[in-house]
Amino acid sequence: MKKFSYVVVNPMGVHARPAALLAQLCVGLRSAVTIECNGKTAGGNNVLQVLALEAKKGDTLNVTVEGVDEEEAVKQVEDLLHGDFEEKAPEKVLKIAFFGTKDYDRVFFSELVKDKGPGTYNSDIKYFSTRLTPETAQLAKGYDAVCIFVNDEAPRSVVETLAECGVKLILLRCAGFNNVDLQAAKECGIKVARVPAYSPYAVAEHAMAILQEANRRLGRAYNKVKDNNFALNGLLGVDLHNKVCGILGTGKIGQCFARIAKGYGMTVIGWDAFPNKKLEEEGLLTYVSKDELFERADLISLHLPLIMGEGGTYHIINKDTIAKMKDDVMLVNSARGPLIDAEDLIAALKDGKFHAVALDVYEGEDANVYTDRSDERLHSSITARLTMFPNVVLTSHQAFFTREALQAIAVTTMENARNFNEGRDLGTAEVKAK
């Protein structure tokens, strides 16, 4: 355990931006960081708790670091306290129109933008519950930027309307950007920035959770017990131990899923357009061809970006690739819905090809995402047909939905906004037309 103290020199105290940067740093540390000030204690990785300390200029932060990387953690925390906590000249206030806003978005974003002046995010946010669509794009008139999510629409017509409204920046509070016409944005002089990574653990953990729910029929078991039915018929699962896990896409999320699978005692094989040989060297997985992965894997997990066109990943799971898979294979998708041809998947489910299918995302989900449709009939939609199968589990695009991920999304999004407002390079967050 290591301890040190820091006297707050910031005239505004520990306001939203330094608190957010501190919390984001601590999330990535292996050691636990706690901060005590004025008789209150906060976890360093929780921006709301840090803000609740209400540390003012002249107050002392007593920092405790305990864990396996204490020395490095202390150095990083001290560097941040003596670095990004320093103030800079204020810029003009950036006006941002937030589309598709939910209550949980406001929890973090409202805290981050409540301060104005030197060293803050210096932004004003107007929240709209409606999604960005061709019909709603005019709501952005008078704003410098818009902030959108995965189910918002930004084709050429919308981008051109945004440009007419004076918008110069599209902030994506997600990693994917396939819903934005990047060429149109380039032509209109609009920059596009995303959140390259927020919490790969959140997505990978959710993927394994829903896969196991489908495998062990946990939803069905829960409902049976509620009806006082304790029979085990219809609940037969399979061991994951000693099975082969095939991972399509071995970026940060794919690697997290691989480590989870290894923890189950699985043999992990992977495919990626750009193999990371270090993963093989450390013994995490073995790279194989796509065909070999489809033929060998007992469990296939998708962690690919959605890339359209020839050689892309659109409908990488289709009737031909499904035919190469083992009978009773398990499939989980927590990446992008159109990676799987929904009609081909349904046909294979009817034929009894799969033991379990778990989908946090699926083709045809757009009208459902983050919308309460419990009073509507879904008729013959893809959703309705998928939910008919007892070995299929659907969740509503929620793999990212953890406190740590929401915090990271908010911090990175507002850092992107601040960098744009101050004329700085957006770095790896910026996405451009090829």
Protein backbone atom coordinates (compact mmCIF):
# COMPACT_ATOMS: atom_id res chain seq x y z
CA MET A 1 0.00 0.00 0.00
CA LYS A 2 1.27 3.46 -0.93
CA LYS A 3 -0.07 6.83 0.19
CA PHE A 4 0.56 10.41 -0.86
CA SER A 5 -1.16 13.78 -0.59
CA TYR A 6 -1.94 16.44 -3.14
CA VAL A 7 -3.07 20.01 -2.44
CA VAL A 8 -5.62 21.24 -4.97
CA VAL A 9 -4.31 24.34 -6.76
CA ASN A 10 -7.05 24.57 -9.38
CA PRO A 11 -9.08 27.75 -8.69
CA MET A 12 -12.24 25.80 -9.54
CA GLY A 13 -11.32 22.86 -7.34
CA VAL A 14 -11.65 19.30 -8.62
CA HIS A 15 -14.30 20.05 -11.22
CA ALA A 16 -15.83 17.75 -13.81
CA ARG A 17 -13.03 17.44 -16.34
CA PRO A 18 -10.13 16.54 -14.00
CA ALA A 19 -12.46 14.24 -12.06
CA ALA A 20 -13.41 12.48 -15.29
CA LEU A 21 -9.82 12.08 -16.44
CA LEU A 22 -8.79 10.75 -13.03
CA ALA A 23 -11.63 8.22 -12.98
CA GLN A 24 -10.85 7.07 -16.50
CA LEU A 25 -7.18 6.59 -15.60
CA CYS A 26 -8.04 4.60 -12.47
CA VAL A 27 -10.38 2.25 -14.37
CA GLY A 28 -7.36 1.05 -16.33
CA LEU A 29 -5.10 0.50 -13.33
CA ARG A 30 -4.73 -2.89 -11.68
CA SER A 31 -4.33 -1.27 -8.26
CA ALA A 32 -7.27 0.21 -6.36
CA VAL A 33 -7.12 3.96 -5.85
CA THR A 34 -9.10 5.67 -3.07
CA ILE A 35 -9.21 9.38 -2.31
CA GLU A 36 -10.11 11.01 1.00
CA CYS A 37 -10.93 14.68 1.34
CA ASN A 38 -12.82 16.61 4.02
CA GLY A 39 -13.95 13.44 5.75
CA LYS A 40 -15.36 11.89 2.54
CA THR A 41 -13.96 8.94 0.62
CA ALA A 42 -14.23 8.14 -3.10
CA GLY A 43 -13.15 5.32 -5.36
CA GLY A 44 -10.73 6.84 -7.84
CA ASN A 45 -12.42 4.98 -10.70
CA ASN A 46 -15.85 6.53 -10.06
CA VAL A 47 -16.25 10.05 -11.47
CA LEU A 48 -19.46 10.72 -9.54
CA GLN A 49 -17.85 9.80 -6.22
CA VAL A 50 -14.81 11.98 -6.98
CA LEU A 51 -17.08 14.93 -7.75
CA ALA A 52 -19.00 14.29 -4.52
CA LEU A 53 -15.81 15.04 -2.57
CA GLU A 54 -16.42 18.70 -3.49
CA ALA A 55 -12.68 19.37 -3.25
CA LYS A 56 -11.92 23.08 -3.46
CA LYS A 57 -8.71 25.02 -4.03
CA GLY A 58 -6.45 24.52 -1.02
CA ASP A 59 -8.07 21.23 0.02
CA THR A 60 -5.84 18.19 0.47
CA LEU A 61 -6.49 14.95 -1.37
CA ASN A 62 -5.15 11.96 0.56
CA VAL A 63 -4.58 9.24 -2.03
CA THR A 64 -4.17 5.53 -1.23
CA VAL A 65 -2.99 3.06 -3.87
CA GLU A 66 -3.09 -0.66 -3.19
CA GLY A 67 -2.46 -3.50 -5.63
CA VAL A 68 -0.01 -5.21 -7.92
CA ASP A 69 1.15 -2.13 -9.87
CA GLU A 70 1.35 0.38 -7.01
CA GLU A 71 4.51 2.20 -8.09
CA GLU A 72 3.39 2.70 -11.68
CA ALA A 73 -0.13 3.61 -10.53
CA VAL A 74 1.20 6.27 -8.14
CA LYS A 75 3.33 7.74 -10.93
CA GLN A 76 0.40 7.91 -13.37
CA VAL A 77 -1.96 9.45 -10.81
CA GLU A 78 0.63 12.03 -9.71
CA ASP A 79 1.41 12.89 -13.34
CA LEU A 80 -2.27 13.51 -13.95
CA LEU A 81 -2.72 15.61 -10.81
CA HIS A 82 0.23 17.79 -11.74
CA GLY A 83 -0.59 17.83 -15.44
CA ASP A 84 -4.15 17.88 -16.76
CA PHE A 85 -5.36 19.52 -13.55
CA GLU A 86 -3.61 22.69 -14.70
CA GLU A 87 -5.80 25.35 -16.28
CA LYS A 88 -5.71 26.64 -19.83
CA ALA A 89 -7.19 29.64 -21.56
CA PRO A 90 -10.97 29.36 -22.04
CA GLU A 91 -12.41 28.80 -25.49
CA LYS A 92 -15.86 29.67 -26.76
CA VAL A 93 -18.67 27.49 -25.46
CA LEU A 94 -19.37 24.60 -27.83
CA LYS A 95 -23.09 24.03 -28.41
CA ILE A 96 -23.95 20.34 -28.82
CA ALA A 97 -27.28 18.77 -29.83
CA PHE A 98 -27.60 15.28 -28.30
CA PHE A 99 -29.91 12.93 -30.20
CA GLY A 100 -31.50 9.71 -28.97
CA THR A 101 -30.86 10.69 -25.37
CA LYS A 102 -31.84 8.42 -22.47
CA ASP A 103 -31.82 9.17 -18.75
CA TYR A 104 -28.60 7.23 -18.25
CA ASP A 105 -26.82 9.47 -20.79
CA ARG A 106 -27.61 12.51 -18.68
CA VAL A 107 -26.11 10.96 -15.53
CA PHE A 108 -22.54 11.39 -16.74
CA PHE A 109 -22.73 14.00 -19.50
CA SER A 110 -24.64 16.53 -17.42
CA GLU A 111 -22.02 16.30 -14.68
CA LEU A 112 -19.16 16.76 -17.13
CA VAL A 113 -20.55 19.94 -18.71
CA LYS A 114 -21.95 21.71 -15.68
CA ASP A 115 -18.78 23.81 -15.28
CA LYS A 116 -17.81 26.60 -17.68
CA GLY A 117 -14.52 28.45 -17.96
CA PRO A 118 -10.80 27.69 -18.03
CA GLY A 119 -9.90 24.01 -18.10
CA THR A 120 -13.49 22.75 -18.34
CA TYR A 121 -15.23 21.03 -21.24
CA ASN A 122 -16.84 24.41 -21.88
CA SER A 123 -19.85 22.93 -23.64
CA ASP A 124 -23.61 23.37 -23.56
CA ILE A 125 -25.75 20.32 -24.28
CA LYS A 126 -29.35 20.25 -25.50
CA TYR A 127 -30.84 16.80 -25.08
CA PHE A 128 -33.30 15.45 -27.64
CA SER A 129 -35.03 12.13 -26.99
CA THR A 130 -35.71 11.68 -30.69
CA ARG A 131 -33.20 9.91 -32.91
CA LEU A 132 -31.31 11.77 -35.63
CA THR A 133 -33.14 11.05 -38.88
CA PRO A 134 -33.87 12.96 -42.10
CA GLU A 135 -37.04 14.23 -40.40
CA THR A 136 -35.29 15.48 -37.23
CA ALA A 137 -31.99 16.81 -38.58
CA GLN A 138 -33.31 20.39 -38.61
CA LEU A 139 -33.31 20.32 -34.81
CA ALA A 140 -29.54 20.83 -35.05
CA LYS A 141 -29.91 24.36 -36.41
CA GLY A 142 -27.74 26.76 -34.40
CA TYR A 143 -25.55 24.05 -32.86
CA ASP A 144 -21.82 23.56 -33.45
CA ALA A 145 -21.96 19.79 -33.04
CA VAL A 146 -24.33 16.84 -32.82
CA CYS A 147 -23.81 13.76 -30.68
CA ILE A 148 -25.37 10.51 -31.91
CA PHE A 149 -25.49 6.81 -31.09
CA VAL A 150 -25.62 3.51 -32.97
CA ASN A 151 -29.27 3.73 -34.02
CA ASP A 152 -29.15 7.33 -35.26
CA GLU A 153 -29.12 7.94 -39.01
CA ALA A 154 -26.57 10.12 -40.78
CA PRO A 155 -26.74 9.33 -44.51
CA ARG A 156 -25.81 11.98 -47.08
CA SER A 157 -29.15 13.77 -46.86
CA VAL A 158 -28.82 14.16 -43.10
CA VAL A 159 -25.17 15.21 -43.24
CA GLU A 160 -26.00 17.88 -45.82
CA THR A 161 -28.85 19.16 -43.64
CA LEU A 162 -26.50 19.31 -40.64
CA ALA A 163 -24.04 21.35 -42.68
CA GLU A 164 -26.80 23.77 -43.64
CA CYS A 165 -27.62 24.09 -39.93
CA GLY A 166 -24.04 25.12 -39.16
CA VAL A 167 -22.84 21.83 -37.64
CA LYS A 168 -19.09 21.29 -37.90
CA LEU A 169 -18.66 18.15 -35.79
CA ILE A 170 -20.42 14.79 -35.47
CA LEU A 171 -19.64 13.12 -32.15
CA LEU A 172 -20.33 9.38 -32.01
CA ARG A 173 -20.74 8.13 -28.45
CA CYS A 174 -19.91 4.62 -29.67
CA ALA A 175 -17.13 2.84 -31.58
CA GLY A 176 -19.05 2.03 -34.77
CA PHE A 177 -19.46 4.63 -37.50
CA ASN A 178 -21.20 2.71 -40.30
CA ASN A 179 -24.32 4.87 -39.83
CA VAL A 180 -22.47 8.02 -40.99
CA ASP A 181 -21.77 8.89 -44.63
CA LEU A 182 -18.11 9.82 -44.20
CA GLN A 183 -17.68 11.00 -47.78
CA ALA A 184 -20.59 13.40 -47.40
CA ALA A 185 -19.12 14.65 -44.11
CA LYS A 186 -15.77 15.28 -45.80
CA GLU A 187 -17.42 17.20 -48.64
CA CYS A 188 -19.41 19.28 -46.14
CA GLY A 189 -16.40 20.08 -43.98
CA ILE A 190 -17.77 18.20 -40.97
CA LYS A 191 -15.37 16.26 -38.74
CA VAL A 192 -16.46 12.92 -37.31
CA ALA A 193 -15.10 11.57 -34.02
CA ARG A 194 -15.94 8.32 -32.26
CA VAL A 195 -15.10 6.49 -29.05
CA PRO A 196 -12.54 3.93 -30.29
CA ALA A 197 -12.78 1.83 -27.13
CA TYR A 198 -14.73 2.12 -23.91
CA SER A 199 -14.93 -1.17 -22.05
CA PRO A 200 -13.99 -4.29 -24.00
CA TYR A 201 -14.61 -6.23 -20.79
CA ALA A 202 -18.25 -5.12 -20.71
CA VAL A 203 -18.94 -6.43 -24.21
CA ALA A 204 -16.98 -9.65 -23.86
CA GLU A 205 -18.50 -10.48 -20.47
CA HIS A 206 -22.01 -9.87 -21.80
CA ALA A 207 -21.33 -12.05 -24.82
CA MET A 208 -20.34 -14.97 -22.61
CA ALA A 209 -23.24 -14.32 -20.23
CA ILE A 210 -25.92 -14.53 -22.93
CA LEU A 211 -24.16 -17.46 -24.60
CA GLN A 212 -24.34 -19.38 -21.33
CA GLU A 213 -27.97 -18.32 -20.88
CA ALA A 214 -28.77 -19.83 -24.27
CA ASN A 215 -26.61 -22.91 -23.68
CA ARG A 216 -28.00 -23.72 -20.22
CA ARG A 217 -31.53 -22.44 -21.02
CA LEU A 218 -31.44 -20.16 -17.98
CA GLY A 219 -34.35 -17.96 -19.05
CA ARG A 220 -36.54 -21.00 -19.54
CA ALA A 221 -35.37 -22.48 -16.23
CA TYR A 222 -36.19 -19.27 -14.38
CA ASN A 223 -39.71 -19.15 -15.79
CA LYS A 224 -40.33 -22.83 -14.97
CA VAL A 225 -39.30 -22.37 -11.34
CA LYS A 226 -41.57 -19.32 -11.05
CA ASP A 227 -44.42 -21.67 -12.04
CA ASN A 228 -43.29 -24.20 -9.40
CA ASN A 229 -42.12 -26.52 -12.18
CA PHE A 230 -38.82 -28.07 -11.13
CA ALA A 231 -38.53 -30.63 -13.93
CA LEU A 232 -35.32 -30.52 -15.98
CA ASN A 233 -36.77 -31.40 -19.35
CA GLY A 234 -35.83 -28.90 -22.04
CA LEU A 235 -32.88 -27.55 -20.04
CA LEU A 236 -30.02 -29.77 -21.24
CA GLY A 237 -26.81 -27.84 -21.91
CA VAL A 238 -23.23 -28.74 -22.77
CA ASP A 239 -19.88 -28.22 -21.02
CA LEU A 240 -17.70 -25.50 -22.49
CA HIS A 241 -14.63 -27.14 -20.96
CA ASN A 242 -12.48 -28.89 -23.59
CA LYS A 243 -14.53 -27.39 -26.43
CA VAL A 244 -13.12 -25.25 -29.25
CA CYS A 245 -13.91 -21.54 -29.21
CA GLY A 246 -13.60 -19.73 -32.55
CA ILE A 247 -13.27 -15.95 -32.44
CA LEU A 248 -13.83 -13.84 -35.54
CA GLY A 249 -12.07 -10.53 -34.87
CA THR A 250 -9.24 -10.44 -32.34
CA GLY A 251 -9.17 -6.78 -31.36
CA LYS A 252 -9.56 -5.68 -27.74
CA ILE A 253 -13.01 -7.21 -27.28
CA GLY A 254 -12.08 -10.43 -29.07
CA GLN A 255 -9.02 -10.77 -26.85
CA CYS A 256 -11.12 -10.30 -23.71
CA PHE A 257 -13.52 -13.00 -24.90
CA ALA A 258 -10.57 -15.28 -25.65
CA ARG A 259 -9.31 -14.91 -22.09
CA ILE A 260 -12.77 -15.72 -20.72
CA ALA A 261 -12.96 -18.79 -22.94
CA LYS A 262 -9.50 -19.90 -21.79
CA GLY A 263 -10.76 -19.57 -18.23
CA TYR A 264 -13.46 -22.10 -19.07
CA GLY A 265 -10.76 -24.50 -20.28
CA MET A 266 -11.50 -24.03 -23.97
CA THR A 267 -9.09 -24.26 -26.89
CA VAL A 268 -9.20 -20.88 -28.64
CA ILE A 269 -8.72 -20.38 -32.37
CA GLY A 270 -9.13 -17.07 -34.16
CA TRP A 271 -9.36 -15.32 -37.50
CA ASP A 272 -8.59 -11.70 -38.22
CA ALA A 273 -7.81 -9.78 -41.38
CA PHE A 274 -4.78 -8.43 -39.50
CA PRO A 275 -3.53 -11.20 -37.18
CA ASN A 276 -1.82 -10.16 -33.96
CA LYS A 277 1.06 -12.60 -33.67
CA LYS A 278 1.72 -11.56 -30.06
CA LEU A 279 -1.50 -13.33 -29.10
CA GLU A 280 -0.13 -16.57 -30.50
CA GLU A 281 3.23 -16.03 -28.83
CA GLU A 282 1.60 -15.68 -25.41
CA GLY A 283 -0.46 -18.81 -26.04
CA LEU A 284 -3.85 -17.11 -25.96
CA LEU A 285 -5.04 -18.44 -29.32
CA THR A 286 -4.02 -19.95 -32.63
CA TYR A 287 -4.86 -18.24 -35.91
CA VAL A 288 -6.55 -20.33 -38.58
CA SER A 289 -8.36 -19.66 -41.85
CA LYS A 290 -12.04 -18.70 -41.77
CA ASP A 291 -13.02 -22.07 -43.23
CA GLU A 292 -11.04 -23.98 -40.61
CA LEU A 293 -12.59 -21.90 -37.85
CA PHE A 294 -16.11 -22.60 -39.12
CA GLU A 295 -15.34 -26.32 -39.39
CA ARG A 296 -13.62 -26.80 -36.01
CA ALA A 297 -15.35 -24.45 -33.58
CA ASP A 298 -17.98 -25.62 -31.10
CA LEU A 299 -18.59 -21.98 -30.14
CA ILE A 300 -18.23 -19.04 -32.54
CA SER A 301 -18.13 -15.48 -31.20
CA LEU A 302 -18.23 -12.43 -33.50
CA HIS A 303 -16.14 -9.36 -32.67
CA LEU A 304 -15.69 -7.81 -36.12
CA PRO A 305 -16.41 -4.32 -37.45
CA LEU A 306 -19.12 -4.11 -40.10
CA ILE A 307 -17.45 -3.55 -43.46
CA MET A 308 -19.58 -3.37 -46.57
CA GLY A 309 -18.55 -4.31 -50.09
CA GLU A 310 -16.46 -7.07 -51.62
CA GLY A 311 -14.12 -8.66 -49.11
CA GLY A 312 -16.02 -7.04 -46.24
CA THR A 313 -17.69 -8.58 -43.20
CA TYR A 314 -21.34 -7.94 -44.17
CA HIS A 315 -23.20 -11.30 -43.88
CA ILE A 316 -19.98 -13.13 -43.03
CA ILE A 317 -22.33 -15.65 -41.41
CA ASN A 318 -24.61 -16.92 -44.18
CA LYS A 319 -26.03 -20.18 -45.49
CA ASP A 320 -22.68 -21.19 -47.00
CA THR A 321 -20.61 -20.54 -43.87
CA ILE A 322 -23.30 -22.06 -41.65
CA ALA A 323 -23.15 -25.23 -43.78
CA LYS A 324 -19.44 -25.54 -42.93
CA MET A 325 -20.13 -25.45 -39.18
CA LYS A 326 -20.56 -28.44 -36.91
CA ASP A 327 -24.05 -29.57 -36.05
CA ASP A 328 -25.08 -28.27 -32.60
CA VAL A 329 -22.63 -25.37 -32.87
CA MET A 330 -23.10 -22.34 -30.60
CA LEU A 331 -23.08 -18.78 -32.01
CA VAL A 332 -22.92 -15.41 -30.24
CA ASN A 333 -22.94 -11.92 -31.76
CA SER A 334 -22.23 -8.81 -29.70
CA ALA A 335 -20.67 -6.79 -32.53
CA ARG A 336 -22.92 -5.70 -35.42
CA GLY A 337 -26.24 -7.22 -36.48
CA PRO A 338 -25.62 -7.43 -40.25
CA LEU A 339 -22.59 -9.66 -39.72
CA ILE A 340 -25.21 -12.42 -39.79
CA ASP A 341 -27.73 -12.95 -42.58
CA ALA A 342 -30.86 -13.16 -40.43
CA GLU A 343 -32.91 -15.11 -42.98
CA ASP A 344 -30.18 -17.73 -43.36
CA LEU A 345 -29.83 -17.96 -39.58
CA ILE A 346 -33.57 -18.51 -39.12
CA ALA A 347 -33.58 -21.18 -41.82
CA ALA A 348 -30.72 -22.99 -40.07
CA LEU A 349 -32.49 -22.74 -36.71
CA LYS A 350 -35.55 -24.36 -38.26
CA ASP A 351 -33.31 -27.19 -39.46
CA GLY A 352 -31.91 -27.69 -35.94
CA LYS A 353 -28.36 -26.68 -36.86
CA PHE A 354 -27.56 -24.80 -33.65
CA HIS A 355 -27.45 -25.88 -30.02
CA ALA A 356 -27.55 -22.26 -28.87
CA VAL A 357 -27.64 -18.80 -30.44
CA ALA A 358 -27.13 -15.61 -28.40
CA LEU A 359 -27.61 -12.22 -30.05
CA ASP A 360 -27.15 -8.82 -28.48
CA VAL A 361 -27.33 -7.39 -31.99
CA TYR A 362 -29.14 -8.73 -35.03
CA GLU A 363 -30.24 -7.68 -38.46
CA GLY A 364 -33.57 -5.86 -38.29
CA GLU A 365 -33.11 -4.61 -34.72
CA ASP A 366 -33.03 -0.89 -35.55
CA ALA A 367 -36.70 -0.17 -34.83
CA ASN A 368 -36.40 -1.91 -31.46
CA VAL A 369 -33.15 -0.60 -30.02
CA TYR A 370 -33.75 1.28 -26.76
CA THR A 371 -37.48 1.52 -27.48
CA ASP A 372 -40.36 0.16 -25.40
CA ARG A 373 -42.58 -1.72 -27.85
CA SER A 374 -44.30 -3.90 -25.27
CA ASP A 375 -47.77 -2.73 -26.36
CA GLU A 376 -47.15 -3.46 -30.04
CA ARG A 377 -47.45 -6.56 -32.16
CA LEU A 378 -44.22 -7.42 -33.94
CA HIS A 379 -46.06 -9.72 -36.40
CA SER A 380 -43.62 -11.51 -38.75
CA SER A 381 -40.55 -9.39 -38.01
CA ILE A 382 -37.12 -10.94 -37.63
CA THR A 383 -37.37 -10.29 -33.90
CA ALA A 384 -40.66 -12.18 -33.56
CA ARG A 385 -39.36 -15.14 -35.52
CA LEU A 386 -36.10 -15.36 -33.59
CA THR A 387 -37.85 -15.30 -30.21
CA MET A 388 -39.88 -18.38 -31.22
CA PHE A 389 -36.84 -20.62 -30.82
CA PRO A 390 -36.19 -21.91 -27.28
CA ASN A 391 -32.43 -22.07 -27.90
CA VAL A 392 -32.16 -18.41 -28.93
CA VAL A 393 -31.50 -15.54 -26.51
CA LEU A 394 -31.91 -11.92 -27.59
CA THR A 395 -30.87 -8.81 -25.67
CA SER A 396 -31.34 -5.22 -26.80
CA HIS A 397 -27.89 -3.99 -27.82
CA GLN A 398 -26.84 -3.71 -24.18
CA ALA A 399 -23.43 -5.39 -24.14
CA PHE A 400 -21.75 -2.02 -23.58
CA PHE A 401 -24.11 -1.06 -20.75
CA THR A 402 -21.97 -0.92 -17.61
CA ARG A 403 -21.08 1.99 -15.36
CA GLU A 404 -17.44 1.80 -16.43
CA ALA A 405 -18.36 1.84 -20.12
CA LEU A 406 -20.81 4.75 -19.80
CA GLN A 407 -18.20 6.72 -17.89
CA ALA A 408 -15.57 6.01 -20.57
CA ILE A 409 -17.96 6.94 -23.37
CA ALA A 410 -18.83 10.24 -21.72
CA VAL A 411 -15.22 11.17 -20.95
CA THR A 412 -13.89 10.29 -24.41
CA THR A 413 -16.78 12.02 -26.18
CA MET A 414 -16.25 15.23 -24.24
CA GLU A 415 -12.48 15.05 -24.74
CA ASN A 416 -13.19 14.83 -28.48
CA ALA A 417 -15.48 17.86 -28.22
CA ARG A 418 -12.89 19.83 -26.26
CA ASN A 419 -10.08 18.97 -28.67
CA PHE A 420 -12.23 20.11 -31.59
CA ASN A 421 -13.22 23.32 -29.80
CA GLU A 422 -9.58 24.15 -29.10
CA GLY A 423 -8.44 23.31 -32.64
CA ARG A 424 -6.45 20.26 -31.62
CA ASP A 425 -5.89 17.03 -33.54
CA LEU A 426 -8.62 14.49 -32.83
CA GLY A 427 -6.09 11.66 -33.13
CA THR A 428 -7.32 8.08 -33.40
CA ALA A 429 -10.85 9.17 -32.50
CA GLU A 430 -11.34 10.86 -35.88
CA VAL A 431 -12.81 8.79 -38.72
CA LYS A 432 -12.46 9.89 -42.33
CA ALA A 433 -13.60 8.84 -45.76
CA LYS A 434 -11.09 6.63 -47.54
